[in-house]
Protein backbone atom coordinates (compact mmCIF):
# COMPACT_ATOMS: atom_id res chain seq x y z
CA UNK A 1 -4.28 21.68 12.02
CA UNK A 2 -4.17 19.92 8.64
CA UNK A 3 -6.61 17.28 7.55
CA UNK A 4 -5.11 13.83 7.69
CA UNK A 5 -7.17 12.60 4.72
CA UNK A 6 -5.18 10.43 2.39
CA UNK A 7 -4.83 11.70 -1.15
CA UNK A 8 -6.82 9.61 -3.59
CA UNK A 9 -6.40 9.54 -7.30
CA UNK A 10 -9.17 9.62 -9.88
CA UNK A 11 -7.87 6.51 -11.60
CA UNK A 12 -8.13 4.50 -8.35
CA UNK A 13 -11.63 5.77 -7.60
CA UNK A 14 -12.90 4.96 -11.10
CA UNK A 15 -11.55 1.41 -10.86
CA UNK A 16 -13.84 0.75 -7.90
CA UNK A 17 -17.35 -0.52 -8.53
CA UNK A 18 -19.03 1.89 -6.09
CA UNK A 19 -17.77 5.41 -5.60
CA UNK A 20 -19.13 8.76 -4.56
CA UNK A 21 -19.15 11.77 -6.87
CA UNK A 22 -17.79 14.11 -4.20
CA UNK A 23 -14.74 11.85 -3.78
CA UNK A 24 -14.15 11.98 -7.51
CA UNK A 25 -14.40 15.78 -7.54
CA UNK A 26 -11.74 16.07 -4.84
CA UNK A 27 -9.43 13.50 -6.44
CA UNK A 28 -6.27 14.33 -8.33
CA UNK A 29 -4.82 12.66 -11.42
CA UNK A 30 -1.69 10.54 -11.10
CA UNK A 31 -0.26 11.91 -14.33
CA UNK A 32 -1.94 15.23 -15.22
CA UNK A 33 0.10 15.72 -18.41
CA UNK A 34 -0.86 12.26 -19.70
CA UNK A 35 -4.49 13.01 -18.88
CA UNK A 36 -4.32 16.32 -20.77
CA UNK A 37 -2.88 14.57 -23.84
CA UNK A 38 -5.50 11.80 -23.69
CA UNK A 39 -8.37 14.30 -23.51
CA UNK A 40 -7.01 16.45 -26.32
CA UNK A 41 -6.19 13.47 -28.54
CA UNK A 42 -9.69 12.07 -27.95
CA UNK A 43 -11.19 15.43 -28.93
CA UNK A 44 -8.99 15.72 -32.02
CA UNK A 45 -9.84 12.18 -33.16
CA UNK A 46 -13.56 12.85 -32.78
CA UNK A 47 -13.34 16.08 -34.75
CA UNK A 48 -11.45 14.29 -37.53
CA UNK A 49 -14.05 11.48 -37.61
CA UNK A 50 -16.86 14.03 -37.87
CA UNK A 51 -15.17 15.85 -40.74
CA UNK A 52 -14.57 12.57 -42.58
CA UNK A 53 -18.23 11.62 -42.19
CA UNK A 54 -19.22 15.08 -43.48
CA UNK A 55 -17.07 14.59 -46.57
CA UNK A 56 -18.53 11.13 -47.19
CA UNK A 57 -22.05 12.49 -46.81
CA UNK A 58 -21.31 15.34 -49.23
CA UNK A 59 -19.85 12.98 -51.83
CA UNK A 60 -22.86 10.69 -51.56
CA UNK A 61 -25.20 13.63 -52.05
CA UNK A 62 -23.28 14.83 -55.10
CA UNK A 63 -23.28 11.38 -56.66
CA UNK A 64 -26.93 10.68 -55.99
CA UNK A 65 -28.68 10.39 -59.40
CA UNK A 66 -32.21 10.56 -57.92
CA UNK A 67 -32.16 14.30 -57.40
C-alpha cells in the first residue's frame, strides 16, 4: 500500500517561517533544471568574483612603492 503523503516542494517549504529539516530533505524541486542552472551560475559568478579580487590584489601589490 502506497503512502498517501502529499508531495511537497522545497520552494514551498522554504517560504514558510517554521519548517523541519527532514521535510526539506524529502522535498523535490518544482523545476530541477532551473535549480541546476541557478546553482551553477551562482558558483560561476563567485569564482569569477574571486579571480577578479585576486587580480586586483596582485596589481596593488605590484604597484606598492613601500616594498
